[in-house]
């Protein structure tokens, strides 16, 4: 998905894959816009694609980019991830040079604002 990224402004290309509870994998890439606030990150594109296809929960996420070290999701993505993944779900943060960091949802957003049930 990284090669499908639309990043003419930042030149910061990101790809992501979210694994739905069904086992299906949903790809995503970042999609920029001249009105930068409406840009959508790769992580959210992957998750939202899964939700649009009927998924309610996800079990794992992989994010990659052309960064020096393993890439990390932005704050908005971390909050969306925390809502659709269990706190112990595995998150793989990679780059195109072979770096890999494995963490969890709780690891990327400790103290997440979660809906009270």
PDB file of N, CA and C in Angstrom:
ATOM      1  N   UNK A   1       0.811  -1.199   0.000  1.00  0.00           N
ATOM      2  CA  UNK A   1       0.000   0.000   0.000  1.00  0.00           C
ATOM      3  C   UNK A   1       0.856   1.266   0.000  1.00  0.00           C
ATOM      4  N   UNK A   2       2.071   1.149   0.460  1.00  0.00           N
ATOM      5  CA  UNK A   2       2.956   2.312   0.507  1.00  0.00           C
ATOM      6  C   UNK A   2       3.078   2.964  -0.865  1.00  0.00           C
ATOM      7  N   UNK A   3       3.112   2.172  -1.911  1.00  0.00           N
ATOM      8  CA  UNK A   3       3.268   2.705  -3.260  1.00  0.00           C
ATOM      9  C   UNK A   3       2.008   3.410  -3.765  1.00  0.00           C
ATOM     10  N   UNK A   4       0.892   3.274  -3.059  1.00  0.00           N
ATOM     11  CA  UNK A   4      -0.349   3.938  -3.447  1.00  0.00           C
ATOM     12  C   UNK A   4      -0.564   5.240  -2.683  1.00  0.00           C
ATOM     13  N   UNK A   5       0.330   5.547  -1.780  1.00  0.00           N
ATOM     14  CA  UNK A   5       0.234   6.760  -0.976  1.00  0.00           C
ATOM     15  C   UNK A   5       0.148   7.992  -1.871  1.00  0.00           C
ATOM     16  N   UNK A   6      -0.695   8.940  -1.470  1.00  0.00           N
ATOM     17  CA  UNK A   6      -0.819  10.209  -2.185  1.00  0.00           C
ATOM     18  C   UNK A   6      -0.302  11.287  -1.242  1.00  0.00           C
ATOM     19  N   UNK A   7       0.957  11.653  -1.406  1.00  0.00           N
ATOM     20  CA  UNK A   7       1.616  12.592  -0.496  1.00  0.00           C
ATOM     21  C   UNK A   7       2.401  13.656  -1.256  1.00  0.00           C
ATOM     22  N   UNK A   8       1.721  14.444  -2.113  1.00  0.00           N
ATOM     23  CA  UNK A   8       2.436  15.437  -2.906  1.00  0.00           C
ATOM     24  C   UNK A   8       2.968  16.618  -2.088  1.00  0.00           C
ATOM     25  N   UNK A   9       2.462  16.815  -0.890  1.00  0.00           N
ATOM     26  CA  UNK A   9       2.862  17.972  -0.085  1.00  0.00           C
ATOM     27  C   UNK A   9       4.004  17.624   0.863  1.00  0.00           C
ATOM     28  N   UNK A  10       3.840  16.561   1.633  1.00  0.00           N
ATOM     29  CA  UNK A  10       4.866  16.202   2.621  1.00  0.00           C
ATOM     30  C   UNK A  10       5.924  15.267   2.051  1.00  0.00           C
ATOM     31  N   UNK A  11       5.589  14.549   0.986  1.00  0.00           N
ATOM     32  CA  UNK A  11       6.472  13.506   0.432  1.00  0.00           C
ATOM     33  C   UNK A  11       6.723  12.400   1.457  1.00  0.00           C
ATOM     34  N   UNK A  12       5.863  12.291   2.467  1.00  0.00           N
ATOM     35  CA  UNK A  12       5.985  11.311   3.546  1.00  0.00           C
ATOM     36  C   UNK A  12       4.978  10.198   3.275  1.00  0.00           C
ATOM     37  N   UNK A  13       5.446   9.136   2.633  1.00  0.00           N
ATOM     38  CA  UNK A  13       4.577   8.034   2.210  1.00  0.00           C
ATOM     39  C   UNK A  13       4.483   6.972   3.303  1.00  0.00           C
ATOM     40  N   UNK A  14       3.243   6.569   3.604  1.00  0.00           N
ATOM     41  CA  UNK A  14       2.995   5.597   4.671  1.00  0.00           C
ATOM     42  C   UNK A  14       2.003   4.559   4.169  1.00  0.00           C
ATOM     43  N   UNK A  15       2.222   3.305   4.559  1.00  0.00           N
ATOM     44  CA  UNK A  15       1.297   2.224   4.253  1.00  0.00           C
ATOM     45  C   UNK A  15       0.942   1.491   5.534  1.00  0.00           C
ATOM     46  N   UNK A  16      -0.227   0.881   5.554  1.00  0.00           N
ATOM     47  CA  UNK A  16      -0.668   0.146   6.736  1.00  0.00           C
ATOM     48  C   UNK A  16      -1.535  -1.033   6.319  1.00  0.00           C
ATOM     49  N   UNK A  17      -1.593  -2.035   7.198  1.00  0.00           N
ATOM     50  CA  UNK A  17      -2.470  -3.181   7.009  1.00  0.00           C
ATOM     51  C   UNK A  17      -3.082  -3.521   8.354  1.00  0.00           C
ATOM     52  N   UNK A  18      -4.411  -3.566   8.401  1.00  0.00           N
ATOM     53  CA  UNK A  18      -5.141  -3.903   9.620  1.00  0.00           C
ATOM     54  C   UNK A  18      -5.780  -5.269   9.428  1.00  0.00           C
ATOM     55  N   UNK A  19      -5.598  -6.151  10.407  1.00  0.00           N
ATOM     56  CA  UNK A  19      -6.177  -7.490  10.360  1.00  0.00           C
ATOM     57  C   UNK A  19      -7.496  -7.465  11.124  1.00  0.00           C
ATOM     58  N   UNK A  20      -8.577  -7.726  10.406  1.00  0.00           N
ATOM     59  CA  UNK A  20      -9.891  -7.758  11.039  1.00  0.00           C
ATOM     60  C   UNK A  20     -10.080  -9.019  11.851  1.00  0.00           C
ATOM     61  N   UNK A  21     -11.049  -8.987  12.765  1.00  0.00           N
ATOM     62  CA  UNK A  21     -11.358 -10.164  13.581  1.00  0.00           C
ATOM     63  C   UNK A  21     -11.739 -11.357  12.702  1.00  0.00           C
ATOM     64  N   UNK A  22     -12.225 -11.091  11.491  1.00  0.00           N
ATOM     65  CA  UNK A  22     -12.579 -12.152  10.543  1.00  0.00           C
ATOM     66  C   UNK A  22     -11.347 -12.817   9.941  1.00  0.00           C
ATOM     67  N   UNK A  23     -10.177 -12.174  10.119  1.00  0.00           N
ATOM     68  CA  UNK A  23      -8.946 -12.662   9.502  1.00  0.00           C
ATOM     69  C   UNK A  23      -8.609 -11.955   8.206  1.00  0.00           C
ATOM     70  N   UNK A  24      -9.540 -11.192   7.676  1.00  0.00           N
ATOM     71  CA  UNK A  24      -9.293 -10.456   6.424  1.00  0.00           C
ATOM     72  C   UNK A  24      -8.363  -9.279   6.706  1.00  0.00           C
ATOM     73  N   UNK A  25      -7.492  -8.990   5.738  1.00  0.00           N
ATOM     74  CA  UNK A  25      -6.534  -7.894   5.861  1.00  0.00           C
ATOM     75  C   UNK A  25      -7.001  -6.715   5.011  1.00  0.00           C
ATOM     76  N   UNK A  26      -6.971  -5.536   5.618  1.00  0.00           N
ATOM     77  CA  UNK A  26      -7.391  -4.302   4.952  1.00  0.00           C
ATOM     78  C   UNK A  26      -6.188  -3.376   4.825  1.00  0.00           C
ATOM     79  N   UNK A  27      -5.886  -2.978   3.611  1.00  0.00           N
ATOM     80  CA  UNK A  27      -4.761  -2.101   3.373  1.00  0.00           C
ATOM     81  C   UNK A  27      -5.164  -0.643   3.418  1.00  0.00           C
ATOM     82  N   UNK A  28      -4.181   0.195   3.692  1.00  0.00           N
ATOM     83  CA  UNK A  28      -4.417   1.627   3.687  1.00  0.00           C
ATOM     84  C   UNK A  28      -3.144   2.385   3.373  1.00  0.00           C
ATOM     85  N   UNK A  29      -3.297   3.587   2.874  1.00  0.00           N
ATOM     86  CA  UNK A  29      -2.172   4.477   2.626  1.00  0.00           C
ATOM     87  C   UNK A  29      -2.593   5.876   3.045  1.00  0.00           C
ATOM     88  N   UNK A  30      -1.614   6.738   3.265  1.00  0.00           N
ATOM     89  CA  UNK A  30      -1.970   8.109   3.594  1.00  0.00           C
ATOM     90  C   UNK A  30      -2.415   8.835   2.335  1.00  0.00           C
ATOM     91  N   UNK A  31      -3.391   9.719   2.512  1.00  0.00           N
ATOM     92  CA  UNK A  31      -3.966  10.471   1.408  1.00  0.00           C
ATOM     93  C   UNK A  31      -4.023  11.927   1.837  1.00  0.00           C
ATOM     94  N   UNK A  32      -3.153  12.736   1.250  1.00  0.00           N
ATOM     95  CA  UNK A  32      -3.075  14.139   1.631  1.00  0.00           C
ATOM     96  C   UNK A  32      -4.052  14.994   0.831  1.00  0.00           C
ATOM     97  N   UNK A  33      -4.219  16.215   1.314  1.00  0.00           N
ATOM     98  CA  UNK A  33      -5.075  17.187   0.675  1.00  0.00           C
ATOM     99  C   UNK A  33      -4.475  18.557   0.919  1.00  0.00           C
ATOM    100  N   UNK A  34      -4.672  19.481  -0.004  1.00  0.00           N
ATOM    101  CA  UNK A  34      -4.145  20.832   0.171  1.00  0.00           C
ATOM    102  C   UNK A  34      -4.680  21.472   1.453  1.00  0.00           C
ATOM    103  N   UNK A  35      -5.907  21.131   1.824  1.00  0.00           N
ATOM    104  CA  UNK A  35      -6.451  21.521   3.130  1.00  0.00           C
ATOM    105  C   UNK A  35      -5.954  20.454   4.102  1.00  0.00           C
ATOM    106  N   UNK A  36      -4.746  20.642   4.626  1.00  0.00           N
ATOM    107  CA  UNK A  36      -4.001  19.575   5.312  1.00  0.00           C
ATOM    108  C   UNK A  36      -4.773  18.900   6.447  1.00  0.00           C
ATOM    109  N   UNK A  37      -5.673  19.611   7.084  1.00  0.00           N
ATOM    110  CA  UNK A  37      -6.449  19.027   8.185  1.00  0.00           C
ATOM    111  C   UNK A  37      -7.351  17.879   7.769  1.00  0.00           C
ATOM    112  N   UNK A  38      -7.676  17.783   6.496  1.00  0.00           N
ATOM    113  CA  UNK A  38      -8.536  16.683   6.038  1.00  0.00           C
ATOM    114  C   UNK A  38      -7.732  15.529   5.447  1.00  0.00           C
ATOM    115  N   UNK A  39      -6.424  15.583   5.606  1.00  0.00           N
ATOM    116  CA  UNK A  39      -5.568  14.468   5.207  1.00  0.00           C
ATOM    117  C   UNK A  39      -5.915  13.243   6.049  1.00  0.00           C
ATOM    118  N   UNK A  40      -5.833  12.061   5.463  1.00  0.00           N
ATOM    119  CA  UNK A  40      -6.107  10.839   6.214  1.00  0.00           C
ATOM    120  C   UNK A  40      -4.855   9.965   6.235  1.00  0.00           C
ATOM    121  N   UNK A  41      -4.493   9.519   7.413  1.00  0.00           N
ATOM    122  CA  UNK A  41      -3.310   8.673   7.602  1.00  0.00           C
ATOM    123  C   UNK A  41      -3.575   7.247   7.119  1.00  0.00           C
ATOM    124  N   UNK A  42      -2.508   6.525   6.840  1.00  0.00           N
ATOM    125  CA  UNK A  42      -2.603   5.144   6.361  1.00  0.00           C
ATOM    126  C   UNK A  42      -3.311   4.235   7.363  1.00  0.00           C
ATOM    127  N   UNK A  43      -2.996   4.403   8.647  1.00  0.00           N
ATOM    128  CA  UNK A  43      -3.591   3.555   9.675  1.00  0.00           C
ATOM    129  C   UNK A  43      -5.104   3.700   9.692  1.00  0.00           C
ATOM    130  N   UNK A  44      -5.568   4.948   9.685  1.00  0.00           N
ATOM    131  CA  UNK A  44      -7.009   5.183   9.709  1.00  0.00           C
ATOM    132  C   UNK A  44      -7.662   4.746   8.408  1.00  0.00           C
ATOM    133  N   UNK A  45      -6.974   4.915   7.266  1.00  0.00           N
ATOM    134  CA  UNK A  45      -7.529   4.447   5.997  1.00  0.00           C
ATOM    135  C   UNK A  45      -7.748   2.937   6.041  1.00  0.00           C
ATOM    136  N   UNK A  46      -6.775   2.187   6.550  1.00  0.00           N
ATOM    137  CA  UNK A  46      -6.907   0.728   6.647  1.00  0.00           C
ATOM    138  C   UNK A  46      -8.054   0.340   7.583  1.00  0.00           C
ATOM    139  N   UNK A  47      -8.093   0.959   8.750  1.00  0.00           N
ATOM    140  CA  UNK A  47      -9.140   0.644   9.732  1.00  0.00           C
ATOM    141  C   UNK A  47     -10.515   1.022   9.189  1.00  0.00           C
ATOM    142  N   UNK A  48     -10.632   2.217   8.612  1.00  0.00           N
ATOM    143  CA  UNK A  48     -11.919   2.666   8.086  1.00  0.00           C
ATOM    144  C   UNK A  48     -12.375   1.804   6.918  1.00  0.00           C
ATOM    145  N   UNK A  49     -11.432   1.298   6.114  1.00  0.00           N
ATOM    146  CA  UNK A  49     -11.789   0.383   5.025  1.00  0.00           C
ATOM    147  C   UNK A  49     -12.400  -0.893   5.593  1.00  0.00           C
ATOM    148  N   UNK A  50     -11.799  -1.392   6.659  1.00  0.00           N
ATOM    149  CA  UNK A  50     -12.342  -2.584   7.309  1.00  0.00           C
ATOM    150  C   UNK A  50     -13.724  -2.341   7.888  1.00  0.00           C
ATOM    151  N   UNK A  51     -13.891  -1.210   8.530  1.00  0.00           N
ATOM    152  CA  UNK A  51     -15.195  -0.879   9.103  1.00  0.00           C
ATOM    153  C   UNK A  51     -16.237  -0.758   8.000  1.00  0.00           C
ATOM    154  N   UNK A  52     -15.881  -0.113   6.892  1.00  0.00           N
ATOM    155  CA  UNK A  52     -16.807   0.020   5.762  1.00  0.00           C
ATOM    156  C   UNK A  52     -17.176  -1.342   5.178  1.00  0.00           C
ATOM    157  N   UNK A  53     -16.289  -2.330   5.338  1.00  0.00           N
ATOM    158  CA  UNK A  53     -16.551  -3.685   4.838  1.00  0.00           C
ATOM    159  C   UNK A  53     -17.306  -4.533   5.858  1.00  0.00           C
ATOM    160  N   UNK A  54     -17.562  -3.986   7.043  1.00  0.00           N
ATOM    161  CA  UNK A  54     -18.356  -4.713   8.031  1.00  0.00           C
ATOM    162  C   UNK A  54     -17.610  -5.190   9.263  1.00  0.00           C
ATOM    163  N   UNK A  55     -16.307  -4.966   9.340  1.00  0.00           N
ATOM    164  CA  UNK A  55     -15.546  -5.359  10.534  1.00  0.00           C
ATOM    165  C   UNK A  55     -15.927  -4.453  11.701  1.00  0.00           C
ATOM    166  N   UNK A  56     -15.933  -5.039  12.888  1.00  0.00           N
ATOM    167  CA  UNK A  56     -16.186  -4.253  14.097  1.00  0.00           C
ATOM    168  C   UNK A  56     -14.940  -4.170  14.968  1.00  0.00           C
ATOM    169  N   UNK A  57     -14.075  -5.180  14.876  1.00  0.00           N
ATOM    170  CA  UNK A  57     -12.873  -5.259  15.707  1.00  0.00           C
ATOM    171  C   UNK A  57     -11.706  -5.709  14.836  1.00  0.00           C
ATOM    172  N   UNK A  58     -10.495  -5.368  15.311  1.00  0.00           N
ATOM    173  CA  UNK A  58      -9.268  -5.727  14.610  1.00  0.00           C
ATOM    174  C   UNK A  58      -8.312  -6.369  15.600  1.00  0.00           C
ATOM    175  N   UNK A  59      -7.422  -7.234  15.079  1.00  0.00           N
ATOM    176  CA  UNK A  59      -6.542  -7.996  15.958  1.00  0.00           C
ATOM    177  C   UNK A  59      -5.073  -7.622  15.857  1.00  0.00           C
ATOM    178  N   UNK A  60      -4.658  -6.997  14.759  1.00  0.00           N
ATOM    179  CA  UNK A  60      -3.251  -6.619  14.584  1.00  0.00           C
ATOM    180  C   UNK A  60      -3.163  -5.506  13.553  1.00  0.00           C
ATOM    181  N   UNK A  61      -2.069  -4.758  13.630  1.00  0.00           N
ATOM    182  CA  UNK A  61      -1.846  -3.655  12.697  1.00  0.00           C
ATOM    183  C   UNK A  61      -0.371  -3.590  12.358  1.00  0.00           C
ATOM    184  N   UNK A  62      -0.067  -3.359  11.087  1.00  0.00           N
ATOM    185  CA  UNK A  62       1.303  -3.126  10.641  1.00  0.00           C
ATOM    186  C   UNK A  62       1.340  -1.765   9.965  1.00  0.00           C
ATOM    187  N   UNK A  63       2.358  -0.972  10.309  1.00  0.00           N
ATOM    188  CA  UNK A  63       2.545   0.355   9.704  1.00  0.00           C
ATOM    189  C   UNK A  63       3.970   0.431   9.183  1.00  0.00           C
ATOM    190  N   UNK A  64       4.148   0.974   7.987  1.00  0.00           N
ATOM    191  CA  UNK A  64       5.486   1.106   7.410  1.00  0.00           C
ATOM    192  C   UNK A  64       5.633   2.420   6.659  1.00  0.00           C
ATOM    193  N   UNK A  65       6.862   2.856   6.535  1.00  0.00           N
ATOM    194  CA  UNK A  65       7.148   4.079   5.800  1.00  0.00           C
ATOM    195  C   UNK A  65       8.619   4.168   5.450  1.00  0.00           C
ATOM    196  N   UNK A  66       8.971   5.235   4.790  1.00  0.00           N
ATOM    197  CA  UNK A  66      10.367   5.474   4.408  1.00  0.00           C
ATOM    198  C   UNK A  66      11.047   6.341   5.462  1.00  0.00           C
ATOM    199  N   UNK A  67      11.101   5.835   6.661  1.00  0.00           N
ATOM    200  CA  UNK A  67      11.677   6.553   7.787  1.00  0.00           C
ATOM    201  C   UNK A  67      13.030   5.948   8.146  1.00  0.00           C
ATOM    202  N   UNK A  68      13.821   6.663   8.932  1.00  0.00           N
ATOM    203  CA  UNK A  68      15.115   6.125   9.360  1.00  0.00           C
ATOM    204  C   UNK A  68      14.943   4.965  10.331  1.00  0.00           C
ATOM    205  N   UNK A  69      14.037   5.101  11.271  1.00  0.00           N
ATOM    206  CA  UNK A  69      13.739   4.042  12.233  1.00  0.00           C
ATOM    207  C   UNK A  69      12.326   3.545  12.004  1.00  0.00           C
ATOM    208  N   UNK A  70      11.878   2.670  12.882  1.00  0.00           N
ATOM    209  CA  UNK A  70      10.502   2.172  12.784  1.00  0.00           C
ATOM    210  C   UNK A  70       9.544   3.353  12.896  1.00  0.00           C
ATOM    211  N   UNK A  71       8.544   3.377  12.041  1.00  0.00           N
ATOM    212  CA  UNK A  71       7.572   4.471  12.011  1.00  0.00           C
ATOM    213  C   UNK A  71       6.641   4.380  13.216  1.00  0.00           C
ATOM    214  N   UNK A  72       6.018   5.468  13.575  1.00  0.00           N
ATOM    215  CA  UNK A  72       5.073   5.477  14.699  1.00  0.00           C
ATOM    216  C   UNK A  72       3.817   6.237  14.294  1.00  0.00           C
ATOM    217  N   UNK A  73       2.645   5.771  14.727  1.00  0.00           N
ATOM    218  CA  UNK A  73       1.387   6.455  14.397  1.00  0.00           C
ATOM    219  C   UNK A  73       1.278   7.816  15.082  1.00  0.00           C
ATOM    220  N   UNK A  74       0.544   8.715  14.452  1.00  0.00           N
ATOM    221  CA  UNK A  74       0.270  10.017  15.054  1.00  0.00           C
ATOM    222  C   UNK A  74      -0.752   9.846  16.183  1.00  0.00           C
ATOM    223  N   UNK A  75      -0.977  10.892  16.926  1.00  0.00           N
ATOM    224  CA  UNK A  75      -1.913  10.841  18.054  1.00  0.00           C
ATOM    225  C   UNK A  75      -3.338  10.519  17.645  1.00  0.00           C
ATOM    226  N   UNK A  76      -3.798  11.089  16.539  1.00  0.00           N
ATOM    227  CA  UNK A  76      -5.163  10.803  16.075  1.00  0.00           C
ATOM    228  C   UNK A  76      -5.320   9.332  15.739  1.00  0.00           C
ATOM    229  N   UNK A  77      -4.331   8.768  15.057  1.00  0.00           N
ATOM    230  CA  UNK A  77      -4.386   7.345  14.717  1.00  0.00           C
ATOM    231  C   UNK A  77      -4.357   6.482  15.973  1.00  0.00           C
ATOM    232  N   UNK A  78      -3.543   6.859  16.942  1.00  0.00           N
ATOM    233  CA  UNK A  78      -3.469   6.085  18.189  1.00  0.00           C
ATOM    234  C   UNK A  78      -4.826   6.019  18.869  1.00  0.00           C
ATOM    235  N   UNK A  79      -5.552   7.124  18.870  1.00  0.00           N
ATOM    236  CA  UNK A  79      -6.872   7.124  19.497  1.00  0.00           C
ATOM    237  C   UNK A  79      -7.844   6.235  18.726  1.00  0.00           C
ATOM    238  N   UNK A  80      -7.841   6.310  17.396  1.00  0.00           N
ATOM    239  CA  UNK A  80      -8.718   5.456  16.586  1.00  0.00           C
ATOM    240  C   UNK A  80      -8.357   3.986  16.804  1.00  0.00           C
ATOM    241  N   UNK A  81      -7.067   3.674  16.805  1.00  0.00           N
ATOM    242  CA  UNK A  81      -6.619   2.295  17.045  1.00  0.00           C
ATOM    243  C   UNK A  81      -7.149   1.804  18.382  1.00  0.00           C
ATOM    244  N   UNK A  82      -7.058   2.630  19.412  1.00  0.00           N
ATOM    245  CA  UNK A  82      -7.483   2.200  20.755  1.00  0.00           C
ATOM    246  C   UNK A  82      -8.970   1.893  20.825  1.00  0.00           C
ATOM    247  N   UNK A  83      -9.748   2.460  19.921  1.00  0.00           N
ATOM    248  CA  UNK A  83     -11.184   2.214  19.944  1.00  0.00           C
ATOM    249  C   UNK A  83     -11.590   0.925  19.236  1.00  0.00           C
ATOM    250  N   UNK A  84     -10.811   0.496  18.257  1.00  0.00           N
ATOM    251  CA  UNK A  84     -11.211  -0.662  17.453  1.00  0.00           C
ATOM    252  C   UNK A  84     -10.359  -1.914  17.672  1.00  0.00           C
ATOM    253  N   UNK A  85      -9.338  -1.833  18.532  1.00  0.00           N
ATOM    254  CA  UNK A  85      -8.466  -2.962  18.854  1.00  0.00           C
ATOM    255  C   UNK A  85      -8.497  -3.183  20.365  1.00  0.00           C
ATOM    256  N   UNK A  86      -8.318  -4.422  20.802  1.00  0.00           N
ATOM    257  CA  UNK A  86      -8.124  -4.682  22.230  1.00  0.00           C
ATOM    258  C   UNK A  86      -6.810  -4.056  22.659  1.00  0.00           C
ATOM    259  N   UNK A  87      -6.685  -3.713  23.911  1.00  0.00           N
ATOM    260  CA  UNK A  87      -5.496  -3.037  24.410  1.00  0.00           C
ATOM    261  C   UNK A  87      -4.235  -3.890  24.285  1.00  0.00           C
ATOM    262  N   UNK A  88      -4.392  -5.227  24.227  1.00  0.00           N
ATOM    263  CA  UNK A  88      -3.225  -6.102  24.093  1.00  0.00           C
ATOM    264  C   UNK A  88      -2.969  -6.542  22.643  1.00  0.00           C
ATOM    265  N   UNK A  89      -3.696  -5.955  21.685  1.00  0.00           N
ATOM    266  CA  UNK A  89      -3.481  -6.286  20.268  1.00  0.00           C
ATOM    267  C   UNK A  89      -2.075  -5.863  19.846  1.00  0.00           C
ATOM    268  N   UNK A  90      -1.472  -6.661  18.972  1.00  0.00           N
ATOM    269  CA  UNK A  90      -0.098  -6.406  18.536  1.00  0.00           C
ATOM    270  C   UNK A  90      -0.063  -5.349  17.433  1.00  0.00           C
ATOM    271  N   UNK A  91       0.866  -4.423  17.574  1.00  0.00           N
ATOM    272  CA  UNK A  91       1.105  -3.377  16.589  1.00  0.00           C
ATOM    273  C   UNK A  91       2.552  -3.527  16.115  1.00  0.00           C
ATOM    274  N   UNK A  92       2.740  -3.693  14.810  1.00  0.00           N
ATOM    275  CA  UNK A  92       4.074  -3.809  14.216  1.00  0.00           C
ATOM    276  C   UNK A  92       4.429  -2.482  13.556  1.00  0.00           C
ATOM    277  N   UNK A  93       5.504  -1.882  14.007  1.00  0.00           N
ATOM    278  CA  UNK A  93       5.981  -0.613  13.455  1.00  0.00           C
ATOM    279  C   UNK A  93       7.261  -0.909  12.700  1.00  0.00           C
ATOM    280  N   UNK A  94       7.287  -0.614  11.407  1.00  0.00           N
ATOM    281  CA  UNK A  94       8.406  -1.000  10.552  1.00  0.00           C
ATOM    282  C   UNK A  94       8.878   0.193   9.724  1.00  0.00           C
ATOM    283  N   UNK A  95       9.872  -0.058   8.899  1.00  0.00           N
ATOM    284  CA  UNK A  95      10.258   0.878   7.848  1.00  0.00           C
ATOM    285  C   UNK A  95      10.723   0.060   6.653  1.00  0.00           C
ATOM    286  N   UNK A  96      11.031   0.721   5.581  1.00  0.00           N
ATOM    287  CA  UNK A  96      11.436   0.042   4.356  1.00  0.00           C
ATOM    288  C   UNK A  96      12.891  -0.408   4.377  1.00  0.00           C
ATOM    289  N   UNK A  97      13.592  -0.125   5.472  1.00  0.00           N
ATOM    290  CA  UNK A  97      14.991  -0.538   5.618  1.00  0.00           C
ATOM    291  C   UNK A  97      15.129  -1.797   6.473  1.00  0.00           C
ATOM    292  N   UNK A  98      14.009  -2.337   6.947  1.00  0.00           N
ATOM    293  CA  UNK A  98      14.047  -3.565   7.727  1.00  0.00           C
ATOM    294  C   UNK A  98      13.897  -3.405   9.224  1.00  0.00           C
ATOM    295  N   UNK A  99      13.748  -2.188   9.720  1.00  0.00           N
ATOM    296  CA  UNK A  99      13.533  -1.987  11.153  1.00  0.00           C
ATOM    297  C   UNK A  99      12.172  -2.550  11.538  1.00  0.00           C
ATOM    298  N   UNK A 100      12.082  -3.081  12.753  1.00  0.00           N
ATOM    299  CA  UNK A 100      10.824  -3.623  13.250  1.00  0.00           C
ATOM    300  C   UNK A 100      10.747  -3.412  14.748  1.00  0.00           C
ATOM    301  N   UNK A 101       9.655  -2.813  15.182  1.00  0.00           N
ATOM    302  CA  UNK A 101       9.354  -2.684  16.603  1.00  0.00           C
ATOM    303  C   UNK A 101       7.975  -3.282  16.821  1.00  0.00           C
ATOM    304  N   UNK A 102       7.852  -4.128  17.814  1.00  0.00           N
ATOM    305  CA  UNK A 102       6.568  -4.744  18.134  1.00  0.00           C
ATOM    306  C   UNK A 102       6.091  -4.184  19.459  1.00  0.00           C
ATOM    307  N   UNK A 103       4.854  -3.735  19.491  1.00  0.00           N
ATOM    308  CA  UNK A 103       4.285  -3.171  20.703  1.00  0.00           C
ATOM    309  C   UNK A 103       2.818  -3.577  20.773  1.00  0.00           C
ATOM    310  N   UNK A 104       2.072  -2.936  21.640  1.00  0.00           N
ATOM    311  CA  UNK A 104       0.641  -3.193  21.768  1.00  0.00           C
ATOM    312  C   UNK A 104      -0.096  -1.865  21.688  1.00  0.00           C
ATOM    313  N   UNK A 105      -1.396  -1.950  21.636  1.00  0.00           N
ATOM    314  CA  UNK A 105      -2.207  -0.736  21.638  1.00  0.00           C
ATOM    315  C   UNK A 105      -1.942   0.044  22.923  1.00  0.00           C
ATOM    316  N   UNK A 106      -1.941  -0.648  24.068  1.00  0.00           N
ATOM    317  CA  UNK A 106      -1.658   0.016  25.345  1.00  0.00           C
ATOM    318  C   UNK A 106      -0.264   0.623  25.351  1.00  0.00           C
ATOM    319  N   UNK A 107       0.670   0.015  24.625  1.00  0.00           N
ATOM    320  CA  UNK A 107       2.029   0.519  24.553  1.00  0.00           C
ATOM    321  C   UNK A 107       2.156   1.808  23.761  1.00  0.00           C
ATOM    322  N   UNK A 108       1.318   1.981  22.735  1.00  0.00           N
ATOM    323  CA  UNK A 108       1.404   3.203  21.933  1.00  0.00           C
ATOM    324  C   UNK A 108       0.506   4.316  22.470  1.00  0.00           C
ATOM    325  N   UNK A 109      -0.463   3.950  23.323  1.00  0.00           N
ATOM    326  CA  UNK A 109      -1.338   4.982  23.882  1.00  0.00           C
ATOM    327  C   UNK A 109      -1.749   4.611  25.309  1.00  0.00           C
ATOM    328  N   UNK A 110      -0.804   4.703  26.230  1.00  0.00           N
ATOM    329  CA  UNK A 110      -1.168   4.428  27.625  1.00  0.00           C
ATOM    330  C   UNK A 110      -2.172   5.472  28.115  1.00  0.00           C
ATOM    331  N   UNK A 111      -3.125   5.046  28.891  1.00  0.00           N
ATOM    332  CA  UNK A 111      -4.132   5.970  29.406  1.00  0.00           C
ATOM    333  C   UNK A 111      -5.106   6.444  28.349  1.00  0.00           C
ATOM    334  N   UNK A 112      -5.353   5.620  27.329  1.00  0.00           N
ATOM    335  CA  UNK A 112      -6.256   5.999  26.239  1.00  0.00           C
ATOM    336  C   UNK A 112      -7.639   6.358  26.764  1.00  0.00           C
ATOM    337  N   UNK A 113      -8.255   7.315  26.103  1.00  0.00           N
ATOM    338  CA  UNK A 113      -9.639   7.678  26.409  1.00  0.00           C
ATOM    339  C   UNK A 113     -10.525   6.617  25.781  1.00  0.00           C
ATOM    340  N   UNK A 114     -11.097   5.755  26.604  1.00  0.00           N
ATOM    341  CA  UNK A 114     -11.935   4.665  26.121  1.00  0.00           C
ATOM    342  C   UNK A 114     -13.363   4.873  26.594  1.00  0.00           C
ATOM    343  N   UNK A 115     -14.291   4.438  25.768  1.00  0.00           N
ATOM    344  CA  UNK A 115     -15.696   4.528  26.133  1.00  0.00           C
ATOM    345  C   UNK A 115     -15.940   3.692  27.380  1.00  0.00           C
ATOM    346  N   UNK A 116     -16.662   4.257  28.308  1.00  0.00           N
ATOM    347  CA  UNK A 116     -17.012   3.512  29.516  1.00  0.00           C
ATOM    348  C   UNK A 116     -18.219   2.629  29.210  1.00  0.00           C
ATOM    349  N   UNK A 117     -18.087   1.362  29.563  1.00  0.00           N
ATOM    350  CA  UNK A 117     -19.180   0.415  29.258  1.00  0.00           C
ATOM    351  C   UNK A 117     -19.813  -0.076  30.523  1.00  0.00           C
TER     352      UNK A 117
END
